[in-house]
Amino acid sequence: MHSFQAVLLFVQAINILIVNQSIIDICASFFMLLTAVFEVDGTRLSPNSIYDQFVCRVWLTRLPLWALMATSTYGILMIAFERYFAVIYPVWYSVSTSCSLYSSTVIIGVIGH
């Protein structure tokens, strides 16, 4: 019975990380599409407009795209570490995985942004 619970824990853990990675990659793809479609010429921006400040500081620098790509990289790294610990330390992994996976998905988002 214990091995069945370990298998369920493994499936749940990898699903959490894969769903998290999929959401991050979908958002990155969406912003990549938006930056390709909506190319803004920065020559007519005024320093007094809030919209123009947003365009200059966020859109022209492609900040959301780069932040999501960095977050995606950290997500892939987290999946690699999770798989490493599941293989090398299976007893420790089965005891401490449930709480740490939820916190690691939050940490990935915070570090990436």
PDB file of N, CA and C in Angstrom:
ATOM      1  N   MET A   1       0.816  -1.192   0.000  1.00  0.00           N
ATOM      2  CA  MET A   1       0.000   0.000   0.000  1.00  0.00           C
ATOM      3  C   MET A   1       0.862   1.260   0.000  1.00  0.00           C
ATOM      4  N   HIS A   2       2.006   1.191   0.670  1.00  0.00           N
ATOM      5  CA  HIS A   2       2.879   2.356   0.733  1.00  0.00           C
ATOM      6  C   HIS A   2       3.433   2.716  -0.653  1.00  0.00           C
ATOM      7  N   SER A   3       3.740   1.723  -1.464  1.00  0.00           N
ATOM      8  CA  SER A   3       4.265   2.008  -2.802  1.00  0.00           C
ATOM      9  C   SER A   3       3.197   2.641  -3.689  1.00  0.00           C
ATOM     10  N   PHE A   4       1.940   2.265  -3.501  1.00  0.00           N
ATOM     11  CA  PHE A   4       0.858   2.881  -4.259  1.00  0.00           C
ATOM     12  C   PHE A   4       0.717   4.352  -3.896  1.00  0.00           C
ATOM     13  N   GLN A   5       0.834   4.689  -2.627  1.00  0.00           N
ATOM     14  CA  GLN A   5       0.782   6.086  -2.200  1.00  0.00           C
ATOM     15  C   GLN A   5       1.971   6.875  -2.741  1.00  0.00           C
ATOM     16  N   ALA A   6       3.119   6.242  -2.810  1.00  0.00           N
ATOM     17  CA  ALA A   6       4.297   6.909  -3.360  1.00  0.00           C
ATOM     18  C   ALA A   6       4.113   7.199  -4.842  1.00  0.00           C
ATOM     19  N   VAL A   7       3.489   6.284  -5.557  1.00  0.00           N
ATOM     20  CA  VAL A   7       3.230   6.505  -6.983  1.00  0.00           C
ATOM     21  C   VAL A   7       2.237   7.654  -7.168  1.00  0.00           C
ATOM     22  N   LEU A   8       1.184   7.682  -6.343  1.00  0.00           N
ATOM     23  CA  LEU A   8       0.219   8.779  -6.426  1.00  0.00           C
ATOM     24  C   LEU A   8       0.876  10.116  -6.105  1.00  0.00           C
ATOM     25  N   LEU A   9       1.758  10.138  -5.124  1.00  0.00           N
ATOM     26  CA  LEU A   9       2.475  11.361  -4.770  1.00  0.00           C
ATOM     27  C   LEU A   9       3.363  11.811  -5.920  1.00  0.00           C
ATOM     28  N   PHE A  10       4.028  10.860  -6.565  1.00  0.00           N
ATOM     29  CA  PHE A  10       4.871  11.177  -7.711  1.00  0.00           C
ATOM     30  C   PHE A  10       4.051  11.780  -8.840  1.00  0.00           C
ATOM     31  N   VAL A  11       2.913  11.187  -9.152  1.00  0.00           N
ATOM     32  CA  VAL A  11       2.068  11.678 -10.241  1.00  0.00           C
ATOM     33  C   VAL A  11       1.544  13.067  -9.919  1.00  0.00           C
ATOM     34  N   GLN A  12       1.112  13.280  -8.688  1.00  0.00           N
ATOM     35  CA  GLN A  12       0.609  14.589  -8.294  1.00  0.00           C
ATOM     36  C   GLN A  12       1.723  15.636  -8.348  1.00  0.00           C
ATOM     37  N   ALA A  13       2.913  15.304  -7.888  1.00  0.00           N
ATOM     38  CA  ALA A  13       4.020  16.256  -7.856  1.00  0.00           C
ATOM     39  C   ALA A  13       4.439  16.661  -9.252  1.00  0.00           C
ATOM     40  N   ILE A  14       4.607  15.707 -10.129  1.00  0.00           N
ATOM     41  CA  ILE A  14       5.054  16.043 -11.474  1.00  0.00           C
ATOM     42  C   ILE A  14       3.965  16.783 -12.230  1.00  0.00           C
ATOM     43  N   ASN A  15       2.691  16.463 -11.946  1.00  0.00           N
ATOM     44  CA  ASN A  15       1.595  17.179 -12.603  1.00  0.00           C
ATOM     45  C   ASN A  15       1.546  18.647 -12.185  1.00  0.00           C
ATOM     46  N   ILE A  16       1.796  18.925 -10.922  1.00  0.00           N
ATOM     47  CA  ILE A  16       1.801  20.313 -10.459  1.00  0.00           C
ATOM     48  C   ILE A  16       2.877  21.105 -11.195  1.00  0.00           C
ATOM     49  N   LEU A  17       4.060  20.551 -11.291  1.00  0.00           N
ATOM     50  CA  LEU A  17       5.156  21.265 -11.947  1.00  0.00           C
ATOM     51  C   LEU A  17       4.931  21.386 -13.452  1.00  0.00           C
ATOM     52  N   ILE A  18       4.377  20.361 -14.080  1.00  0.00           N
ATOM     53  CA  ILE A  18       4.151  20.423 -15.525  1.00  0.00           C
ATOM     54  C   ILE A  18       3.037  21.411 -15.855  1.00  0.00           C
ATOM     55  N   VAL A  19       1.974  21.433 -15.064  1.00  0.00           N
ATOM     56  CA  VAL A  19       0.906  22.408 -15.297  1.00  0.00           C
ATOM     57  C   VAL A  19       1.431  23.823 -15.083  1.00  0.00           C
ATOM     58  N   ASN A  20       2.215  24.025 -14.043  1.00  0.00           N
ATOM     59  CA  ASN A  20       2.814  25.335 -13.795  1.00  0.00           C
ATOM     60  C   ASN A  20       3.690  25.759 -14.980  1.00  0.00           C
ATOM     61  N   GLN A  21       4.504  24.842 -15.472  1.00  0.00           N
ATOM     62  CA  GLN A  21       5.382  25.136 -16.608  1.00  0.00           C
ATOM     63  C   GLN A  21       4.565  25.428 -17.865  1.00  0.00           C
ATOM     64  N   SER A  22       3.491  24.708 -18.056  1.00  0.00           N
ATOM     65  CA  SER A  22       2.647  24.929 -19.232  1.00  0.00           C
ATOM     66  C   SER A  22       1.989  26.300 -19.206  1.00  0.00           C
ATOM     67  N   ILE A  23       1.520  26.708 -18.051  1.00  0.00           N
ATOM     68  CA  ILE A  23       0.897  28.030 -17.926  1.00  0.00           C
ATOM     69  C   ILE A  23       1.920  29.130 -18.185  1.00  0.00           C
ATOM     70  N   ILE A  24       3.110  28.980 -17.648  1.00  0.00           N
ATOM     71  CA  ILE A  24       4.162  29.969 -17.873  1.00  0.00           C
ATOM     72  C   ILE A  24       4.518  30.046 -19.358  1.00  0.00           C
ATOM     73  N   ASP A  25       4.638  28.896 -20.013  1.00  0.00           N
ATOM     74  CA  ASP A  25       4.995  28.887 -21.433  1.00  0.00           C
ATOM     75  C   ASP A  25       3.878  29.441 -22.311  1.00  0.00           C
ATOM     76  N   ILE A  26       2.617  29.203 -21.951  1.00  0.00           N
ATOM     77  CA  ILE A  26       1.507  29.785 -22.708  1.00  0.00           C
ATOM     78  C   ILE A  26       1.522  31.302 -22.588  1.00  0.00           C
ATOM     79  N   CYS A  27       1.748  31.808 -21.384  1.00  0.00           N
ATOM     80  CA  CYS A  27       1.816  33.268 -21.199  1.00  0.00           C
ATOM     81  C   CYS A  27       2.993  33.869 -21.963  1.00  0.00           C
ATOM     82  N   ALA A  28       4.138  33.199 -21.948  1.00  0.00           N
ATOM     83  CA  ALA A  28       5.299  33.695 -22.689  1.00  0.00           C
ATOM     84  C   ALA A  28       5.017  33.691 -24.191  1.00  0.00           C
ATOM     85  N   SER A  29       4.358  32.660 -24.683  1.00  0.00           N
ATOM     86  CA  SER A  29       4.011  32.604 -26.106  1.00  0.00           C
ATOM     87  C   SER A  29       3.029  33.704 -26.472  1.00  0.00           C
ATOM     88  N   PHE A  30       2.073  33.962 -25.586  1.00  0.00           N
ATOM     89  CA  PHE A  30       1.102  35.030 -25.823  1.00  0.00           C
ATOM     90  C   PHE A  30       1.795  36.384 -25.916  1.00  0.00           C
ATOM     91  N   PHE A  31       2.697  36.686 -24.997  1.00  0.00           N
ATOM     92  CA  PHE A  31       3.408  37.965 -25.045  1.00  0.00           C
ATOM     93  C   PHE A  31       4.355  38.047 -26.236  1.00  0.00           C
ATOM     94  N   MET A  32       4.931  36.926 -26.634  1.00  0.00           N
ATOM     95  CA  MET A  32       5.779  36.933 -27.822  1.00  0.00           C
ATOM     96  C   MET A  32       4.951  37.256 -29.060  1.00  0.00           C
ATOM     97  N   LEU A  33       3.762  36.685 -29.139  1.00  0.00           N
ATOM     98  CA  LEU A  33       2.856  36.984 -30.248  1.00  0.00           C
ATOM     99  C   LEU A  33       2.436  38.449 -30.232  1.00  0.00           C
ATOM    100  N   LEU A  34       2.119  38.964 -29.057  1.00  0.00           N
ATOM    101  CA  LEU A  34       1.728  40.368 -28.956  1.00  0.00           C
ATOM    102  C   LEU A  34       2.855  41.317 -29.356  1.00  0.00           C
ATOM    103  N   THR A  35       4.069  41.013 -28.944  1.00  0.00           N
ATOM    104  CA  THR A  35       5.178  41.897 -29.311  1.00  0.00           C
ATOM    105  C   THR A  35       5.487  41.817 -30.801  1.00  0.00           C
ATOM    106  N   ALA A  36       5.200  40.687 -31.424  1.00  0.00           N
ATOM    107  CA  ALA A  36       5.419  40.576 -32.868  1.00  0.00           C
ATOM    108  C   ALA A  36       4.333  41.293 -33.654  1.00  0.00           C
ATOM    109  N   VAL A  37       3.106  41.260 -33.152  1.00  0.00           N
ATOM    110  CA  VAL A  37       1.984  41.858 -33.874  1.00  0.00           C
ATOM    111  C   VAL A  37       1.933  43.368 -33.660  1.00  0.00           C
ATOM    112  N   PHE A  38       2.082  43.802 -32.418  1.00  0.00           N
ATOM    113  CA  PHE A  38       1.955  45.217 -32.093  1.00  0.00           C
ATOM    114  C   PHE A  38       3.328  45.844 -31.909  1.00  0.00           C
ATOM    115  N   GLU A  39       3.954  46.204 -32.991  1.00  0.00           N
ATOM    116  CA  GLU A  39       5.254  46.879 -32.936  1.00  0.00           C
ATOM    117  C   GLU A  39       5.002  48.374 -32.784  1.00  0.00           C
ATOM    118  N   VAL A  40       5.523  48.958 -31.719  1.00  0.00           N
ATOM    119  CA  VAL A  40       5.301  50.368 -31.423  1.00  0.00           C
ATOM    120  C   VAL A  40       6.559  51.142 -31.768  1.00  0.00           C
ATOM    121  N   ASP A  41       6.378  52.212 -32.514  1.00  0.00           N
ATOM    122  CA  ASP A  41       7.488  53.102 -32.841  1.00  0.00           C
ATOM    123  C   ASP A  41       7.667  54.070 -31.676  1.00  0.00           C
ATOM    124  N   GLY A  42       8.826  54.115 -31.103  1.00  0.00           N
ATOM    125  CA  GLY A  42       9.068  54.930 -29.927  1.00  0.00           C
ATOM    126  C   GLY A  42       9.476  56.360 -30.206  1.00  0.00           C
ATOM    127  N   THR A  43       9.366  56.826 -31.438  1.00  0.00           N
ATOM    128  CA  THR A  43       9.824  58.176 -31.760  1.00  0.00           C
ATOM    129  C   THR A  43       8.823  59.251 -31.369  1.00  0.00           C
ATOM    130  N   ARG A  44       7.550  58.918 -31.244  1.00  0.00           N
ATOM    131  CA  ARG A  44       6.539  59.938 -30.943  1.00  0.00           C
ATOM    132  C   ARG A  44       6.034  59.851 -29.507  1.00  0.00           C
ATOM    133  N   LEU A  45       6.831  59.378 -28.587  1.00  0.00           N
ATOM    134  CA  LEU A  45       6.419  59.270 -27.200  1.00  0.00           C
ATOM    135  C   LEU A  45       6.746  60.554 -26.446  1.00  0.00           C
ATOM    136  N   SER A  46       5.808  60.980 -25.596  1.00  0.00           N
ATOM    137  CA  SER A  46       6.041  62.181 -24.798  1.00  0.00           C
ATOM    138  C   SER A  46       6.336  61.776 -23.352  1.00  0.00           C
ATOM    139  N   PRO A  47       7.229  62.492 -22.675  1.00  0.00           N
ATOM    140  CA  PRO A  47       7.576  62.119 -21.299  1.00  0.00           C
ATOM    141  C   PRO A  47       6.475  62.444 -20.289  1.00  0.00           C
ATOM    142  N   ASN A  48       5.459  63.205 -20.671  1.00  0.00           N
ATOM    143  CA  ASN A  48       4.417  63.615 -19.731  1.00  0.00           C
ATOM    144  C   ASN A  48       3.240  62.639 -19.671  1.00  0.00           C
ATOM    145  N   SER A  49       3.126  61.757 -20.616  1.00  0.00           N
ATOM    146  CA  SER A  49       1.993  60.849 -20.679  1.00  0.00           C
ATOM    147  C   SER A  49       2.297  59.553 -19.915  1.00  0.00           C
ATOM    148  N   ILE A  50       1.339  59.129 -19.091  1.00  0.00           N
ATOM    149  CA  ILE A  50       1.505  57.884 -18.341  1.00  0.00           C
ATOM    150  C   ILE A  50       1.513  56.693 -19.292  1.00  0.00           C
ATOM    151  N   TYR A  51       0.658  56.724 -20.295  1.00  0.00           N
ATOM    152  CA  TYR A  51       0.623  55.650 -21.284  1.00  0.00           C
ATOM    153  C   TYR A  51       1.965  55.541 -22.008  1.00  0.00           C
ATOM    154  N   ASP A  52       2.526  56.677 -22.404  1.00  0.00           N
ATOM    155  CA  ASP A  52       3.813  56.658 -23.096  1.00  0.00           C
ATOM    156  C   ASP A  52       4.941  56.178 -22.187  1.00  0.00           C
ATOM    157  N   GLN A  53       4.867  56.514 -20.904  1.00  0.00           N
ATOM    158  CA  GLN A  53       5.857  56.007 -19.949  1.00  0.00           C
ATOM    159  C   GLN A  53       5.752  54.488 -19.825  1.00  0.00           C
ATOM    160  N   PHE A  54       4.510  53.971 -19.795  1.00  0.00           N
ATOM    161  CA  PHE A  54       4.309  52.524 -19.751  1.00  0.00           C
ATOM    162  C   PHE A  54       4.874  51.870 -21.004  1.00  0.00           C
ATOM    163  N   VAL A  55       4.577  52.438 -22.157  1.00  0.00           N
ATOM    164  CA  VAL A  55       5.064  51.871 -23.419  1.00  0.00           C
ATOM    165  C   VAL A  55       6.586  51.873 -23.435  1.00  0.00           C
ATOM    166  N   CYS A  56       7.185  52.939 -22.991  1.00  0.00           N
ATOM    167  CA  CYS A  56       8.636  53.053 -23.024  1.00  0.00           C
ATOM    168  C   CYS A  56       9.313  52.100 -22.031  1.00  0.00           C
ATOM    169  N   ARG A  57       8.802  52.040 -20.811  1.00  0.00           N
ATOM    170  CA  ARG A  57       9.465  51.272 -19.763  1.00  0.00           C
ATOM    171  C   ARG A  57       9.116  49.789 -19.763  1.00  0.00           C
ATOM    172  N   VAL A  58       7.943  49.424 -20.261  1.00  0.00           N
ATOM    173  CA  VAL A  58       7.515  48.028 -20.186  1.00  0.00           C
ATOM    174  C   VAL A  58       7.435  47.389 -21.569  1.00  0.00           C
ATOM    175  N   TRP A  59       6.725  48.040 -22.488  1.00  0.00           N
ATOM    176  CA  TRP A  59       6.469  47.388 -23.773  1.00  0.00           C
ATOM    177  C   TRP A  59       7.695  47.384 -24.691  1.00  0.00           C
ATOM    178  N   LEU A  60       8.371  48.502 -24.819  1.00  0.00           N
ATOM    179  CA  LEU A  60       9.528  48.560 -25.718  1.00  0.00           C
ATOM    180  C   LEU A  60      10.709  47.740 -25.191  1.00  0.00           C
ATOM    181  N   THR A  61      10.800  47.591 -23.895  1.00  0.00           N
ATOM    182  CA  THR A  61      11.866  46.759 -23.332  1.00  0.00           C
ATOM    183  C   THR A  61      11.493  45.279 -23.336  1.00  0.00           C
ATOM    184  N   ARG A  62      10.239  44.994 -23.624  1.00  0.00           N
ATOM    185  CA  ARG A  62       9.706  43.613 -23.634  1.00  0.00           C
ATOM    186  C   ARG A  62       9.890  42.935 -22.265  1.00  0.00           C
ATOM    187  N   LEU A  63       9.652  43.715 -21.230  1.00  0.00           N
ATOM    188  CA  LEU A  63       9.817  43.226 -19.863  1.00  0.00           C
ATOM    189  C   LEU A  63       8.960  42.001 -19.550  1.00  0.00           C
ATOM    190  N   PRO A  64       7.658  41.976 -19.900  1.00  0.00           N
ATOM    191  CA  PRO A  64       6.877  40.772 -19.588  1.00  0.00           C
ATOM    192  C   PRO A  64       7.408  39.522 -20.294  1.00  0.00           C
ATOM    193  N   LEU A  65       7.856  39.681 -21.514  1.00  0.00           N
ATOM    194  CA  LEU A  65       8.369  38.541 -22.263  1.00  0.00           C
ATOM    195  C   LEU A  65       9.633  37.982 -21.614  1.00  0.00           C
ATOM    196  N   TRP A  66      10.569  38.858 -21.273  1.00  0.00           N
ATOM    197  CA  TRP A  66      11.818  38.392 -20.665  1.00  0.00           C
ATOM    198  C   TRP A  66      11.595  37.831 -19.274  1.00  0.00           C
ATOM    199  N   ALA A  67      10.666  38.424 -18.522  1.00  0.00           N
ATOM    200  CA  ALA A  67      10.365  37.903 -17.182  1.00  0.00           C
ATOM    201  C   ALA A  67       9.748  36.514 -17.272  1.00  0.00           C
ATOM    202  N   LEU A  68       8.855  36.307 -18.227  1.00  0.00           N
ATOM    203  CA  LEU A  68       8.246  34.989 -18.377  1.00  0.00           C
ATOM    204  C   LEU A  68       9.237  33.958 -18.903  1.00  0.00           C
ATOM    205  N   MET A  69      10.160  34.379 -19.739  1.00  0.00           N
ATOM    206  CA  MET A  69      11.178  33.440 -20.205  1.00  0.00           C
ATOM    207  C   MET A  69      12.124  33.041 -19.072  1.00  0.00           C
ATOM    208  N   ALA A  70      12.467  33.993 -18.213  1.00  0.00           N
ATOM    209  CA  ALA A  70      13.292  33.666 -17.048  1.00  0.00           C
ATOM    210  C   ALA A  70      12.530  32.745 -16.098  1.00  0.00           C
ATOM    211  N   THR A  71      11.247  33.019 -15.902  1.00  0.00           N
ATOM    212  CA  THR A  71      10.418  32.169 -15.055  1.00  0.00           C
ATOM    213  C   THR A  71      10.314  30.763 -15.630  1.00  0.00           C
ATOM    214  N   SER A  72      10.213  30.654 -16.942  1.00  0.00           N
ATOM    215  CA  SER A  72      10.165  29.346 -17.595  1.00  0.00           C
ATOM    216  C   SER A  72      11.458  28.579 -17.377  1.00  0.00           C
ATOM    217  N   THR A  73      12.576  29.270 -17.444  1.00  0.00           N
ATOM    218  CA  THR A  73      13.861  28.630 -17.202  1.00  0.00           C
ATOM    219  C   THR A  73      13.959  28.110 -15.777  1.00  0.00           C
ATOM    220  N   TYR A  74      13.512  28.920 -14.810  1.00  0.00           N
ATOM    221  CA  TYR A  74      13.524  28.472 -13.421  1.00  0.00           C
ATOM    222  C   TYR A  74      12.562  27.303 -13.211  1.00  0.00           C
ATOM    223  N   GLY A  75      11.452  27.291 -13.931  1.00  0.00           N
ATOM    224  CA  GLY A  75      10.519  26.171 -13.829  1.00  0.00           C
ATOM    225  C   GLY A  75      11.120  24.879 -14.325  1.00  0.00           C
ATOM    226  N   ILE A  76      11.823  24.934 -15.438  1.00  0.00           N
ATOM    227  CA  ILE A  76      12.495  23.738 -15.963  1.00  0.00           C
ATOM    228  C   ILE A  76      13.573  23.270 -14.983  1.00  0.00           C
ATOM    229  N   LEU A  77      14.281  24.215 -14.398  1.00  0.00           N
ATOM    230  CA  LEU A  77      15.290  23.873 -13.397  1.00  0.00           C
ATOM    231  C   LEU A  77      14.650  23.207 -12.177  1.00  0.00           C
ATOM    232  N   MET A  78      13.495  23.697 -11.762  1.00  0.00           N
ATOM    233  CA  MET A  78      12.801  23.111 -10.624  1.00  0.00           C
ATOM    234  C   MET A  78      12.337  21.682 -10.939  1.00  0.00           C
ATOM    235  N   ILE A  79      11.868  21.447 -12.153  1.00  0.00           N
ATOM    236  CA  ILE A  79      11.477  20.093 -12.549  1.00  0.00           C
ATOM    237  C   ILE A  79      12.694  19.163 -12.516  1.00  0.00           C
ATOM    238  N   ALA A  80      13.835  19.650 -12.989  1.00  0.00           N
ATOM    239  CA  ALA A  80      15.047  18.826 -12.980  1.00  0.00           C
ATOM    240  C   ALA A  80      15.466  18.486 -11.550  1.00  0.00           C
ATOM    241  N   PHE A  81      15.423  19.475 -10.641  1.00  0.00           N
ATOM    242  CA  PHE A  81      15.769  19.200  -9.241  1.00  0.00           C
ATOM    243  C   PHE A  81      14.770  18.252  -8.594  1.00  0.00           C
ATOM    244  N   GLU A  82      13.505  18.413  -8.914  1.00  0.00           N
ATOM    245  CA  GLU A  82      12.474  17.537  -8.350  1.00  0.00           C
ATOM    246  C   GLU A  82      12.701  16.095  -8.786  1.00  0.00           C
ATOM    247  N   ARG A  83      13.024  15.890 -10.036  1.00  0.00           N
ATOM    248  CA  ARG A  83      13.288  14.542 -10.543  1.00  0.00           C
ATOM    249  C   ARG A  83      14.570  13.982  -9.927  1.00  0.00           C
ATOM    250  N   TYR A  84      15.576  14.821  -9.761  1.00  0.00           N
ATOM    251  CA  TYR A  84      16.833  14.379  -9.145  1.00  0.00           C
ATOM    252  C   TYR A  84      16.588  13.877  -7.723  1.00  0.00           C
ATOM    253  N   PHE A  85      15.865  14.672  -6.925  1.00  0.00           N
ATOM    254  CA  PHE A  85      15.607  14.272  -5.542  1.00  0.00           C
ATOM    255  C   PHE A  85      14.699  13.059  -5.463  1.00  0.00           C
ATOM    256  N   ALA A  86      13.780  12.902  -6.411  1.00  0.00           N
ATOM    257  CA  ALA A  86      12.899  11.733  -6.409  1.00  0.00           C
ATOM    258  C   ALA A  86      13.679  10.457  -6.686  1.00  0.00           C
ATOM    259  N   VAL A  87      14.722  10.556  -7.489  1.00  0.00           N
ATOM    260  CA  VAL A  87      15.505   9.364  -7.830  1.00  0.00           C
ATOM    261  C   VAL A  87      16.589   9.088  -6.792  1.00  0.00           C
ATOM    262  N   ILE A  88      17.304  10.110  -6.369  1.00  0.00           N
ATOM    263  CA  ILE A  88      18.438   9.921  -5.473  1.00  0.00           C
ATOM    264  C   ILE A  88      18.009   9.730  -4.011  1.00  0.00           C
ATOM    265  N   TYR A  89      17.006  10.478  -3.556  1.00  0.00           N
ATOM    266  CA  TYR A  89      16.541  10.417  -2.171  1.00  0.00           C
ATOM    267  C   TYR A  89      15.051  10.079  -2.119  1.00  0.00           C
ATOM    268  N   PRO A  90      14.645   8.875  -2.448  1.00  0.00           N
ATOM    269  CA  PRO A  90      13.212   8.559  -2.533  1.00  0.00           C
ATOM    270  C   PRO A  90      12.478   8.617  -1.191  1.00  0.00           C
ATOM    271  N   VAL A  91      13.125   8.261  -0.097  1.00  0.00           N
ATOM    272  CA  VAL A  91      12.455   8.299   1.205  1.00  0.00           C
ATOM    273  C   VAL A  91      12.219   9.740   1.624  1.00  0.00           C
ATOM    274  N   TRP A  92      13.228  10.565   1.533  1.00  0.00           N
ATOM    275  CA  TRP A  92      13.089  11.982   1.875  1.00  0.00           C
ATOM    276  C   TRP A  92      12.078  12.656   0.951  1.00  0.00           C
ATOM    277  N   TYR A  93      12.085  12.276  -0.310  1.00  0.00           N
ATOM    278  CA  TYR A  93      11.175  12.849  -1.292  1.00  0.00           C
ATOM    279  C   TYR A  93       9.726  12.545  -0.938  1.00  0.00           C
ATOM    280  N   SER A  94       9.430  11.316  -0.550  1.00  0.00           N
ATOM    281  CA  SER A  94       8.047  10.948  -0.248  1.00  0.00           C
ATOM    282  C   SER A  94       7.546  11.614   1.028  1.00  0.00           C
ATOM    283  N   VAL A  95       8.429  11.987   1.918  1.00  0.00           N
ATOM    284  CA  VAL A  95       8.023  12.620   3.171  1.00  0.00           C
ATOM    285  C   VAL A  95       7.799  14.121   2.992  1.00  0.00           C
ATOM    286  N   SER A  96       8.651  14.785   2.242  1.00  0.00           N
ATOM    287  CA  SER A  96       8.632  16.258   2.234  1.00  0.00           C
ATOM    288  C   SER A  96       8.152  16.883   0.932  1.00  0.00           C
ATOM    289  N   THR A  97       7.607  16.143   0.015  1.00  0.00           N
ATOM    290  CA  THR A  97       7.284  16.690  -1.295  1.00  0.00           C
ATOM    291  C   THR A  97       6.027  17.527  -1.322  1.00  0.00           C
ATOM    292  N   SER A  98       4.984  17.126  -0.655  1.00  0.00           N
ATOM    293  CA  SER A  98       3.683  17.769  -0.828  1.00  0.00           C
ATOM    294  C   SER A  98       3.713  19.259  -0.488  1.00  0.00           C
ATOM    295  N   CYS A  99       4.328  19.630   0.598  1.00  0.00           N
ATOM    296  CA  CYS A  99       4.381  21.039   1.006  1.00  0.00           C
ATOM    297  C   CYS A  99       5.373  21.828   0.159  1.00  0.00           C
ATOM    298  N   SER A 100       6.490  21.234  -0.154  1.00  0.00           N
ATOM    299  CA  SER A 100       7.541  21.980  -0.841  1.00  0.00           C
ATOM    300  C   SER A 100       7.206  22.275  -2.301  1.00  0.00           C
ATOM    301  N   LEU A 101       6.384  21.462  -2.942  1.00  0.00           N
ATOM    302  CA  LEU A 101       6.049  21.727  -4.342  1.00  0.00           C
ATOM    303  C   LEU A 101       5.186  22.966  -4.503  1.00  0.00           C
ATOM    304  N   TYR A 102       4.219  23.142  -3.611  1.00  0.00           N
ATOM    305  CA  TYR A 102       3.384  24.335  -3.693  1.00  0.00           C
ATOM    306  C   TYR A 102       4.202  25.596  -3.435  1.00  0.00           C
ATOM    307  N   SER A 103       5.094  25.532  -2.465  1.00  0.00           N
ATOM    308  CA  SER A 103       5.930  26.698  -2.189  1.00  0.00           C
ATOM    309  C   SER A 103       6.931  26.938  -3.316  1.00  0.00           C
ATOM    310  N   SER A 104       7.404  25.871  -3.966  1.00  0.00           N
ATOM    311  CA  SER A 104       8.364  26.069  -5.046  1.00  0.00           C
ATOM    312  C   SER A 104       7.727  26.707  -6.277  1.00  0.00           C
ATOM    313  N   THR A 105       6.447  26.430  -6.537  1.00  0.00           N
ATOM    314  CA  THR A 105       5.793  27.092  -7.655  1.00  0.00           C
ATOM    315  C   THR A 105       5.621  28.577  -7.392  1.00  0.00           C
ATOM    316  N   VAL A 106       5.376  28.957  -6.144  1.00  0.00           N
ATOM    317  CA  VAL A 106       5.287  30.375  -5.794  1.00  0.00           C
ATOM    318  C   VAL A 106       6.668  31.026  -5.896  1.00  0.00           C
ATOM    319  N   ILE A 107       7.694  30.344  -5.441  1.00  0.00           N
ATOM    320  CA  ILE A 107       9.064  30.881  -5.494  1.00  0.00           C
ATOM    321  C   ILE A 107       9.498  31.076  -6.947  1.00  0.00           C
ATOM    322  N   ILE A 108       9.139  30.162  -7.825  1.00  0.00           N
ATOM    323  CA  ILE A 108       9.479  30.298  -9.253  1.00  0.00           C
ATOM    324  C   ILE A 108       8.879  31.582  -9.807  1.00  0.00           C
ATOM    325  N   GLY A 109       7.624  31.839  -9.482  1.00  0.00           N
ATOM    326  CA  GLY A 109       6.973  33.057  -9.974  1.00  0.00           C
ATOM    327  C   GLY A 109       7.581  34.323  -9.424  1.00  0.00           C
ATOM    328  N   VAL A 110       7.957  34.303  -8.158  1.00  0.00           N
ATOM    329  CA  VAL A 110       8.539  35.490  -7.527  1.00  0.00           C
ATOM    330  C   VAL A 110       9.938  35.764  -8.082  1.00  0.00           C
ATOM    331  N   ILE A 111      10.746  34.736  -8.221  1.00  0.00           N
ATOM    332  CA  ILE A 111      12.105  34.923  -8.734  1.00  0.00           C
ATOM    333  C   ILE A 111      12.080  35.369 -10.180  1.00  0.00           C
ATOM    334  N   GLY A 112      11.181  34.795 -10.960  1.00  0.00           N
ATOM    335  CA  GLY A 112      11.120  35.137 -12.377  1.00  0.00           C
ATOM    336  C   GLY A 112      10.670  36.548 -12.649  1.00  0.00           C
ATOM    337  N   HIS A 113       9.846  37.079 -11.769  1.00  0.00           N
ATOM    338  CA  HIS A 113       9.335  38.438 -11.991  1.00  0.00           C
ATOM    339  C   HIS A 113      10.073  39.402 -11.131  1.00  0.00           C
TER     340      HIS A 113
END
